Amino acid sequence: MKAWYLPVIFLFLAFTAAGQETNNDKPLWAKSVLNKNAPELIVEEWISNKPKTKGKFILIDFWATWCGPCRMTIPQLNDVQQKFSGKLVVIGISDEPFQTIKNLSEPQIKYSSARDSHRTMYNQLGVSAIPHCLLISPKGTVIWEGAPLLKGHELTEKVIHDLMVKYKNR
């Protein structure tokens, strides 16, 4: 093997590894789809208007009205939707009846909302606990997944911002 091959291979591996996100042994209550193509967005019906997602980051939140941690996440997701408006779309997906979701008044949801009573996406991803979020790049790659409030692995505005900068063109 020629001497210059080794440094070239090392650099290639270093840049490849740096471009990938990792869960760092983060507990997941779903199948991992990190660094993979995002599943097709399938909902039964929109509670809000259907958002325009083309060319944007998408943050999907699987949640329910009866779920305390889910409700605690709503104000944070409202802030994220407002702060990154135009670059990111937040979509909450619940498997509850339309009227149950629509009747939630506190906290108020200020981002896109849909229902999936057939649990199509839940089942495809193996979601067994909520809240569960996916952050998807404009190119359709899952770049973050997990419980958004999980201690030590929180999905914060800074995490979202840093991933959006890193994956702006990927």
N, C-alpha and C. Protein backbone atom coordinates (compact mmCIF):
# COMPACT_ATOMS: atom_id res chain seq x y z
N MET A 1 0.85 -1.18 0.00
CA MET A 1 0.00 0.00 0.00
C MET A 1 0.89 1.24 0.00
N LYS A 2 0.57 2.18 -0.84
CA LYS A 2 1.38 3.39 -0.94
C LYS A 2 1.20 4.23 0.33
N ALA A 3 2.22 4.96 0.68
CA ALA A 3 2.25 5.72 1.93
C ALA A 3 1.17 6.80 1.98
N TRP A 4 0.80 7.39 0.87
CA TRP A 4 -0.19 8.48 0.90
C TRP A 4 -1.61 7.98 1.08
N TYR A 5 -1.87 6.69 0.85
CA TYR A 5 -3.22 6.13 0.99
C TYR A 5 -3.72 6.24 2.43
N LEU A 6 -2.85 5.92 3.37
CA LEU A 6 -3.25 5.89 4.78
C LEU A 6 -3.77 7.25 5.27
N PRO A 7 -3.06 8.36 5.04
CA PRO A 7 -3.60 9.65 5.48
C PRO A 7 -4.92 10.01 4.78
N VAL A 8 -5.04 9.67 3.50
CA VAL A 8 -6.27 9.98 2.76
C VAL A 8 -7.45 9.18 3.34
N ILE A 9 -7.22 7.91 3.62
CA ILE A 9 -8.27 7.08 4.22
C ILE A 9 -8.64 7.62 5.60
N PHE A 10 -7.65 7.98 6.39
CA PHE A 10 -7.91 8.53 7.73
C PHE A 10 -8.76 9.79 7.64
N LEU A 11 -8.41 10.72 6.74
CA LEU A 11 -9.19 11.96 6.59
C LEU A 11 -10.62 11.67 6.15
N PHE A 12 -10.78 10.75 5.20
CA PHE A 12 -12.11 10.38 4.75
C PHE A 12 -12.95 9.86 5.90
N LEU A 13 -12.40 8.96 6.69
CA LEU A 13 -13.14 8.39 7.84
C LEU A 13 -13.44 9.45 8.88
N ALA A 14 -12.51 10.36 9.11
CA ALA A 14 -12.72 11.42 10.10
C ALA A 14 -13.86 12.33 9.69
N PHE A 15 -13.89 12.73 8.41
CA PHE A 15 -14.96 13.61 7.95
C PHE A 15 -16.29 12.89 7.88
N THR A 16 -16.29 11.62 7.54
CA THR A 16 -17.52 10.84 7.49
C THR A 16 -18.10 10.70 8.88
N ALA A 17 -17.27 10.37 9.85
CA ALA A 17 -17.75 10.20 11.23
C ALA A 17 -18.26 11.50 11.80
N ALA A 18 -17.58 12.61 11.49
CA ALA A 18 -18.00 13.91 12.03
C ALA A 18 -19.34 14.34 11.45
N GLY A 19 -19.72 13.85 10.28
CA GLY A 19 -20.96 14.24 9.65
C GLY A 19 -22.17 13.49 10.17
N GLN A 20 -21.97 12.51 11.00
CA GLN A 20 -23.08 11.71 11.49
C GLN A 20 -23.43 12.09 12.92
N GLU A 21 -24.71 12.09 13.21
CA GLU A 21 -25.16 12.28 14.58
C GLU A 21 -25.19 10.92 15.26
N THR A 22 -25.20 10.93 16.56
CA THR A 22 -25.26 9.69 17.31
C THR A 22 -26.21 9.87 18.49
N ASN A 23 -26.77 8.80 18.95
CA ASN A 23 -27.65 8.86 20.13
C ASN A 23 -26.86 8.76 21.43
N ASN A 24 -25.56 8.47 21.36
CA ASN A 24 -24.73 8.41 22.57
C ASN A 24 -25.37 7.61 23.69
N ASP A 25 -25.84 6.41 23.37
CA ASP A 25 -26.47 5.52 24.35
C ASP A 25 -27.73 6.12 24.99
N LYS A 26 -28.35 7.07 24.31
CA LYS A 26 -29.60 7.67 24.81
C LYS A 26 -30.69 6.61 24.77
N PRO A 27 -31.44 6.46 25.86
CA PRO A 27 -32.56 5.50 25.82
C PRO A 27 -33.63 5.97 24.82
N LEU A 28 -34.14 5.04 24.05
CA LEU A 28 -35.20 5.33 23.08
C LEU A 28 -36.37 4.40 23.34
N TRP A 29 -37.56 4.91 23.17
CA TRP A 29 -38.76 4.10 23.27
C TRP A 29 -39.41 4.03 21.88
N ALA A 30 -38.55 3.76 20.90
CA ALA A 30 -38.94 3.63 19.49
C ALA A 30 -37.75 3.03 18.76
N LYS A 31 -38.00 2.60 17.51
CA LYS A 31 -36.89 2.13 16.69
C LYS A 31 -36.04 3.33 16.30
N SER A 32 -34.74 3.16 16.27
CA SER A 32 -33.88 4.25 15.85
C SER A 32 -33.91 4.39 14.34
N VAL A 33 -34.12 5.62 13.89
CA VAL A 33 -34.06 5.94 12.47
C VAL A 33 -33.05 7.07 12.24
N LEU A 34 -32.21 7.32 13.23
CA LEU A 34 -31.22 8.37 13.14
C LEU A 34 -30.29 8.12 11.96
N ASN A 35 -30.00 9.18 11.22
CA ASN A 35 -29.14 9.14 10.03
C ASN A 35 -29.76 8.36 8.87
N LYS A 36 -31.04 8.06 8.96
CA LYS A 36 -31.74 7.34 7.88
C LYS A 36 -32.77 8.28 7.26
N ASN A 37 -33.28 7.88 6.11
CA ASN A 37 -34.36 8.65 5.50
C ASN A 37 -35.57 8.63 6.42
N ALA A 38 -36.18 9.78 6.58
CA ALA A 38 -37.37 9.88 7.43
C ALA A 38 -38.51 9.10 6.82
N PRO A 39 -39.38 8.56 7.67
CA PRO A 39 -40.56 7.88 7.13
C PRO A 39 -41.48 8.90 6.47
N GLU A 40 -42.29 8.41 5.57
CA GLU A 40 -43.28 9.29 4.92
C GLU A 40 -44.23 9.84 5.97
N LEU A 41 -44.53 11.12 5.87
CA LEU A 41 -45.45 11.76 6.80
C LEU A 41 -46.87 11.35 6.44
N ILE A 42 -47.46 10.50 7.29
CA ILE A 42 -48.81 10.00 7.05
C ILE A 42 -49.68 10.37 8.24
N VAL A 43 -50.72 11.14 7.97
CA VAL A 43 -51.69 11.48 9.01
C VAL A 43 -53.09 11.22 8.48
N GLU A 44 -54.00 10.97 9.39
CA GLU A 44 -55.38 10.72 9.01
C GLU A 44 -56.09 12.01 8.62
N GLU A 45 -55.89 13.05 9.44
CA GLU A 45 -56.47 14.35 9.13
C GLU A 45 -55.73 15.44 9.87
N TRP A 46 -55.76 16.61 9.28
CA TRP A 46 -55.12 17.78 9.89
C TRP A 46 -56.09 18.49 10.80
N ILE A 47 -55.63 18.83 11.99
CA ILE A 47 -56.42 19.65 12.92
C ILE A 47 -56.24 21.11 12.50
N SER A 48 -55.02 21.45 12.14
CA SER A 48 -54.68 22.78 11.62
C SER A 48 -54.63 22.69 10.10
N ASN A 49 -54.22 23.77 9.48
CA ASN A 49 -53.95 23.71 8.04
C ASN A 49 -52.71 22.86 7.82
N LYS A 50 -52.67 22.16 6.72
CA LYS A 50 -51.50 21.35 6.38
C LYS A 50 -50.33 22.30 6.09
N PRO A 51 -49.20 22.09 6.76
CA PRO A 51 -48.07 23.01 6.57
C PRO A 51 -47.30 22.73 5.28
N LYS A 52 -46.60 23.74 4.82
CA LYS A 52 -45.70 23.58 3.68
C LYS A 52 -44.35 23.16 4.24
N THR A 53 -43.89 21.98 3.86
CA THR A 53 -42.68 21.43 4.43
C THR A 53 -41.50 21.39 3.46
N LYS A 54 -41.75 21.59 2.19
CA LYS A 54 -40.69 21.46 1.18
C LYS A 54 -39.55 22.44 1.48
N GLY A 55 -38.33 21.89 1.54
CA GLY A 55 -37.14 22.70 1.76
C GLY A 55 -36.95 23.17 3.19
N LYS A 56 -37.74 22.63 4.12
CA LYS A 56 -37.66 23.05 5.52
C LYS A 56 -37.26 21.89 6.42
N PHE A 57 -36.75 22.23 7.58
CA PHE A 57 -36.57 21.24 8.63
C PHE A 57 -37.95 20.93 9.17
N ILE A 58 -38.16 19.69 9.59
CA ILE A 58 -39.45 19.28 10.13
C ILE A 58 -39.21 18.65 11.49
N LEU A 59 -39.93 19.13 12.48
CA LEU A 59 -39.88 18.56 13.83
C LEU A 59 -41.23 17.91 14.10
N ILE A 60 -41.24 16.59 14.17
CA ILE A 60 -42.48 15.85 14.43
C ILE A 60 -42.50 15.46 15.90
N ASP A 61 -43.62 15.75 16.55
CA ASP A 61 -43.80 15.41 17.97
C ASP A 61 -45.00 14.47 18.09
N PHE A 62 -44.74 13.26 18.56
CA PHE A 62 -45.82 12.32 18.86
C PHE A 62 -46.25 12.60 20.29
N TRP A 63 -47.54 12.85 20.50
CA TRP A 63 -47.99 13.31 21.81
C TRP A 63 -49.45 12.93 22.04
N ALA A 64 -49.96 13.27 23.24
CA ALA A 64 -51.37 13.08 23.58
C ALA A 64 -51.78 14.13 24.63
N THR A 65 -53.06 14.45 24.65
CA THR A 65 -53.57 15.46 25.58
C THR A 65 -53.47 15.02 27.03
N TRP A 66 -53.54 13.71 27.30
CA TRP A 66 -53.51 13.18 28.66
C TRP A 66 -52.09 13.04 29.20
N CYS A 67 -51.09 13.24 28.36
CA CYS A 67 -49.67 13.01 28.70
C CYS A 67 -49.05 14.28 29.29
N GLY A 68 -48.72 14.23 30.59
CA GLY A 68 -48.12 15.38 31.27
C GLY A 68 -46.84 15.88 30.62
N PRO A 69 -45.85 15.00 30.37
CA PRO A 69 -44.63 15.48 29.71
C PRO A 69 -44.90 16.04 28.31
N CYS A 70 -45.88 15.49 27.61
CA CYS A 70 -46.23 16.02 26.28
C CYS A 70 -46.72 17.46 26.41
N ARG A 71 -47.58 17.68 27.38
CA ARG A 71 -48.12 19.03 27.59
C ARG A 71 -47.04 20.00 28.04
N MET A 72 -46.06 19.50 28.79
CA MET A 72 -44.94 20.35 29.21
C MET A 72 -44.08 20.76 28.01
N THR A 73 -44.07 19.95 26.98
CA THR A 73 -43.26 20.20 25.78
C THR A 73 -43.91 21.23 24.86
N ILE A 74 -45.23 21.37 24.91
CA ILE A 74 -45.95 22.25 23.97
C ILE A 74 -45.44 23.69 23.97
N PRO A 75 -45.26 24.35 25.14
CA PRO A 75 -44.74 25.73 25.09
C PRO A 75 -43.36 25.83 24.44
N GLN A 76 -42.51 24.85 24.69
CA GLN A 76 -41.18 24.83 24.08
C GLN A 76 -41.31 24.70 22.56
N LEU A 77 -42.19 23.82 22.10
CA LEU A 77 -42.38 23.65 20.66
C LEU A 77 -42.99 24.91 20.03
N ASN A 78 -43.88 25.59 20.76
CA ASN A 78 -44.42 26.86 20.28
C ASN A 78 -43.28 27.86 20.05
N ASP A 79 -42.36 27.94 21.04
CA ASP A 79 -41.23 28.86 20.93
C ASP A 79 -40.33 28.50 19.75
N VAL A 80 -40.06 27.21 19.59
CA VAL A 80 -39.22 26.74 18.48
C VAL A 80 -39.87 27.10 17.15
N GLN A 81 -41.18 26.86 17.02
CA GLN A 81 -41.88 27.19 15.78
C GLN A 81 -41.76 28.67 15.48
N GLN A 82 -41.93 29.50 16.50
CA GLN A 82 -41.86 30.95 16.29
C GLN A 82 -40.42 31.39 15.97
N LYS A 83 -39.46 30.90 16.73
CA LYS A 83 -38.08 31.33 16.55
C LYS A 83 -37.52 30.93 15.19
N PHE A 84 -37.84 29.74 14.72
CA PHE A 84 -37.27 29.24 13.47
C PHE A 84 -38.28 29.28 12.32
N SER A 85 -39.29 30.11 12.45
CA SER A 85 -40.33 30.23 11.43
C SER A 85 -39.71 30.50 10.06
N GLY A 86 -40.22 29.80 9.05
CA GLY A 86 -39.70 29.95 7.70
C GLY A 86 -38.63 28.92 7.37
N LYS A 87 -37.95 28.40 8.41
CA LYS A 87 -36.90 27.40 8.20
C LYS A 87 -37.31 26.04 8.74
N LEU A 88 -38.25 26.03 9.69
CA LEU A 88 -38.64 24.80 10.38
C LEU A 88 -40.15 24.76 10.55
N VAL A 89 -40.71 23.57 10.44
CA VAL A 89 -42.13 23.36 10.67
C VAL A 89 -42.26 22.34 11.80
N VAL A 90 -43.01 22.68 12.84
CA VAL A 90 -43.30 21.75 13.92
C VAL A 90 -44.66 21.14 13.65
N ILE A 91 -44.73 19.81 13.77
CA ILE A 91 -45.99 19.09 13.56
C ILE A 91 -46.22 18.16 14.74
N GLY A 92 -47.32 18.37 15.44
CA GLY A 92 -47.71 17.48 16.52
C GLY A 92 -48.67 16.43 15.97
N ILE A 93 -48.42 15.16 16.30
CA ILE A 93 -49.29 14.07 15.84
C ILE A 93 -49.80 13.31 17.05
N SER A 94 -51.13 13.22 17.17
CA SER A 94 -51.77 12.49 18.25
C SER A 94 -52.66 11.41 17.65
N ASP A 95 -52.89 10.36 18.42
CA ASP A 95 -53.79 9.29 17.95
C ASP A 95 -55.19 9.44 18.55
N GLU A 96 -55.43 10.56 19.19
CA GLU A 96 -56.72 10.78 19.87
C GLU A 96 -57.79 11.29 18.89
N PRO A 97 -59.06 11.26 19.33
CA PRO A 97 -60.14 11.78 18.48
C PRO A 97 -59.96 13.28 18.17
N PHE A 98 -60.45 13.68 17.02
CA PHE A 98 -60.35 15.07 16.55
C PHE A 98 -60.78 16.06 17.65
N GLN A 99 -61.96 15.82 18.22
CA GLN A 99 -62.51 16.78 19.17
C GLN A 99 -61.68 16.86 20.45
N THR A 100 -61.10 15.77 20.88
CA THR A 100 -60.24 15.78 22.07
C THR A 100 -59.04 16.69 21.84
N ILE A 101 -58.43 16.57 20.68
CA ILE A 101 -57.27 17.41 20.36
C ILE A 101 -57.70 18.86 20.21
N LYS A 102 -58.78 19.07 19.48
CA LYS A 102 -59.28 20.42 19.21
C LYS A 102 -59.68 21.14 20.50
N ASN A 103 -60.19 20.39 21.49
CA ASN A 103 -60.66 20.99 22.74
C ASN A 103 -59.54 21.36 23.71
N LEU A 104 -58.31 20.93 23.44
CA LEU A 104 -57.20 21.29 24.32
C LEU A 104 -56.99 22.80 24.25
N SER A 105 -57.19 23.48 25.37
CA SER A 105 -57.03 24.93 25.37
C SER A 105 -55.78 25.38 26.14
N GLU A 106 -55.32 24.58 27.06
CA GLU A 106 -54.12 24.90 27.83
C GLU A 106 -53.23 23.69 27.93
N PRO A 107 -52.02 23.77 27.51
CA PRO A 107 -51.44 24.90 26.79
C PRO A 107 -51.93 24.94 25.34
N GLN A 108 -51.98 26.12 24.80
CA GLN A 108 -52.44 26.30 23.42
C GLN A 108 -51.34 25.88 22.46
N ILE A 109 -51.70 25.13 21.44
CA ILE A 109 -50.75 24.70 20.41
C ILE A 109 -50.72 25.74 19.30
N LYS A 110 -49.52 26.25 19.00
CA LYS A 110 -49.37 27.30 17.99
C LYS A 110 -48.57 26.80 16.79
N TYR A 111 -48.56 25.50 16.59
CA TYR A 111 -47.88 24.90 15.45
C TYR A 111 -48.84 23.92 14.79
N SER A 112 -48.43 23.31 13.72
CA SER A 112 -49.30 22.41 12.97
C SER A 112 -49.64 21.18 13.79
N SER A 113 -50.86 20.71 13.63
CA SER A 113 -51.33 19.58 14.42
C SER A 113 -52.17 18.65 13.55
N ALA A 114 -51.98 17.35 13.79
CA ALA A 114 -52.71 16.35 13.01
C ALA A 114 -53.04 15.16 13.91
N ARG A 115 -53.93 14.31 13.40
CA ARG A 115 -54.25 13.10 14.15
C ARG A 115 -54.03 11.88 13.27
N ASP A 116 -53.72 10.79 13.94
CA ASP A 116 -53.45 9.53 13.26
C ASP A 116 -54.01 8.41 14.14
N SER A 117 -55.34 8.26 14.13
CA SER A 117 -55.97 7.25 14.99
C SER A 117 -55.59 5.84 14.60
N HIS A 118 -55.10 5.67 13.37
CA HIS A 118 -54.67 4.35 12.92
C HIS A 118 -53.23 4.04 13.37
N ARG A 119 -52.57 5.05 13.96
CA ARG A 119 -51.20 4.92 14.48
C ARG A 119 -50.21 4.44 13.41
N THR A 120 -50.41 4.88 12.19
CA THR A 120 -49.57 4.46 11.09
C THR A 120 -48.10 4.78 11.35
N MET A 121 -47.81 6.04 11.64
CA MET A 121 -46.42 6.42 11.88
C MET A 121 -45.91 5.87 13.21
N TYR A 122 -46.75 5.88 14.24
CA TYR A 122 -46.35 5.32 15.54
C TYR A 122 -45.85 3.89 15.35
N ASN A 123 -46.65 3.09 14.62
CA ASN A 123 -46.32 1.68 14.42
C ASN A 123 -45.09 1.50 13.53
N GLN A 124 -44.99 2.32 12.50
CA GLN A 124 -43.85 2.24 11.59
C GLN A 124 -42.55 2.52 12.34
N LEU A 125 -42.60 3.44 13.30
CA LEU A 125 -41.41 3.80 14.07
C LEU A 125 -41.28 3.01 15.38
N GLY A 126 -42.30 2.24 15.71
CA GLY A 126 -42.25 1.48 16.96
C GLY A 126 -42.32 2.37 18.19
N VAL A 127 -43.00 3.51 18.10
CA VAL A 127 -43.09 4.44 19.23
C VAL A 127 -43.90 3.78 20.34
N SER A 128 -43.27 3.57 21.50
CA SER A 128 -43.96 2.93 22.62
C SER A 128 -44.12 3.85 23.82
N ALA A 129 -43.56 5.06 23.74
CA ALA A 129 -43.72 6.05 24.82
C ALA A 129 -43.68 7.43 24.20
N ILE A 130 -44.46 8.33 24.79
CA ILE A 130 -44.52 9.70 24.30
C ILE A 130 -44.21 10.65 25.45
N PRO A 131 -43.74 11.86 25.15
CA PRO A 131 -43.52 12.42 23.83
C PRO A 131 -42.29 11.79 23.16
N HIS A 132 -42.36 11.72 21.85
CA HIS A 132 -41.24 11.24 21.04
C HIS A 132 -41.14 12.18 19.85
N CYS A 133 -39.94 12.69 19.61
CA CYS A 133 -39.74 13.66 18.53
C CYS A 133 -38.72 13.17 17.52
N LEU A 134 -38.90 13.63 16.29
CA LEU A 134 -37.95 13.44 15.21
C LEU A 134 -37.65 14.81 14.63
N LEU A 135 -36.39 15.12 14.41
CA LEU A 135 -36.01 16.32 13.67
C LEU A 135 -35.45 15.84 12.34
N ILE A 136 -36.02 16.36 11.27
CA ILE A 136 -35.70 15.90 9.92
C ILE A 136 -35.11 17.06 9.12
N SER A 137 -34.01 16.78 8.42
CA SER A 137 -33.36 17.80 7.60
C SER A 137 -34.18 18.07 6.34
N PRO A 138 -33.92 19.20 5.66
CA PRO A 138 -34.64 19.49 4.41
C PRO A 138 -34.45 18.40 3.35
N LYS A 139 -33.38 17.65 3.43
CA LYS A 139 -33.13 16.56 2.47
C LYS A 139 -33.81 15.26 2.90
N GLY A 140 -34.48 15.26 4.08
CA GLY A 140 -35.25 14.10 4.49
C GLY A 140 -34.54 13.11 5.40
N THR A 141 -33.43 13.52 6.01
CA THR A 141 -32.68 12.65 6.91
C THR A 141 -33.05 12.96 8.35
N VAL A 142 -33.26 11.93 9.15
CA VAL A 142 -33.53 12.12 10.58
C VAL A 142 -32.21 12.48 11.25
N ILE A 143 -32.17 13.67 11.88
CA ILE A 143 -30.93 14.16 12.49
C ILE A 143 -31.03 14.25 14.02
N TRP A 144 -32.19 14.01 14.57
CA TRP A 144 -32.37 13.93 16.02
C TRP A 144 -33.62 13.10 16.29
N GLU A 145 -33.59 12.30 17.34
CA GLU A 145 -34.75 11.50 17.73
C GLU A 145 -34.73 11.29 19.22
N GLY A 146 -35.93 11.12 19.79
CA GLY A 146 -36.00 10.78 21.20
C GLY A 146 -37.04 11.55 21.98
N ALA A 147 -36.96 11.38 23.30
CA ALA A 147 -37.85 12.08 24.22
C ALA A 147 -37.27 13.48 24.43
N PRO A 148 -38.01 14.52 24.11
CA PRO A 148 -37.45 15.87 24.12
C PRO A 148 -37.06 16.40 25.50
N LEU A 149 -37.59 15.82 26.57
CA LEU A 149 -37.28 16.28 27.92
C LEU A 149 -36.36 15.33 28.68
N LEU A 150 -35.83 14.31 28.02
CA LEU A 150 -34.99 13.32 28.67
C LEU A 150 -33.72 13.97 29.23
N LYS A 151 -33.56 13.86 30.53
CA LYS A 151 -32.43 14.51 31.22
C LYS A 151 -31.10 14.10 30.57
N GLY A 152 -30.31 15.10 30.25
CA GLY A 152 -29.02 14.88 29.62
C GLY A 152 -29.08 14.76 28.11
N HIS A 153 -30.30 14.68 27.56
CA HIS A 153 -30.48 14.53 26.11
C HIS A 153 -31.61 15.44 25.62
N GLU A 154 -31.83 16.56 26.29
CA GLU A 154 -32.96 17.43 25.98
C GLU A 154 -32.86 18.00 24.56
N LEU A 155 -34.01 18.17 23.96
CA LEU A 155 -34.10 18.82 22.66
C LEU A 155 -34.34 20.30 22.93
N THR A 156 -33.27 21.07 22.94
CA THR A 156 -33.33 22.50 23.25
C THR A 156 -33.26 23.34 21.98
N GLU A 157 -33.53 24.63 22.12
CA GLU A 157 -33.40 25.54 20.98
C GLU A 157 -31.96 25.52 20.46
N LYS A 158 -31.00 25.44 21.36
CA LYS A 158 -29.59 25.41 20.94
C LYS A 158 -29.29 24.14 20.14
N VAL A 159 -29.78 23.00 20.60
CA VAL A 159 -29.57 21.75 19.86
C VAL A 159 -30.19 21.86 18.47
N ILE A 160 -31.41 22.37 18.40
CA ILE A 160 -32.08 22.52 17.11
C ILE A 160 -31.31 23.49 16.22
N HIS A 161 -30.92 24.63 16.78
CA HIS A 161 -30.16 25.62 16.01
C HIS A 161 -28.87 25.02 15.45
N ASP A 162 -28.10 24.36 16.31
CA ASP A 162 -26.83 23.78 15.89
C ASP A 162 -27.03 22.73 14.79
N LEU A 163 -28.06 21.90 14.92
CA LEU A 163 -28.33 20.89 13.89
C LEU A 163 -28.79 21.55 12.59
N MET A 164 -29.58 22.62 12.70
CA MET A 164 -30.03 23.31 11.49
C MET A 164 -28.86 23.95 10.75
N VAL A 165 -27.91 24.49 11.48
CA VAL A 165 -26.72 25.06 10.85
C VAL A 165 -25.92 23.96 10.17
N LYS A 166 -25.72 22.87 10.89
CA LYS A 166 -24.91 21.77 10.37
C LYS A 166 -25.54 21.10 9.14
N TYR A 167 -26.88 20.96 9.13
CA TYR A 167 -27.56 20.22 8.07
C TYR A 167 -28.31 21.12 7.10
N LYS A 168 -27.96 22.40 7.05
CA LYS A 168 -28.65 23.34 6.19
C LYS A 168 -28.70 22.86 4.73
N ASN A 169 -27.62 22.30 4.26
CA ASN A 169 -27.55 21.86 2.86
C ASN A 169 -27.43 20.35 2.71
N ARG A 170 -27.76 19.62 3.79
CA ARG A 170 -27.63 18.16 3.72
C ARG A 170 -28.96 17.49 3.95
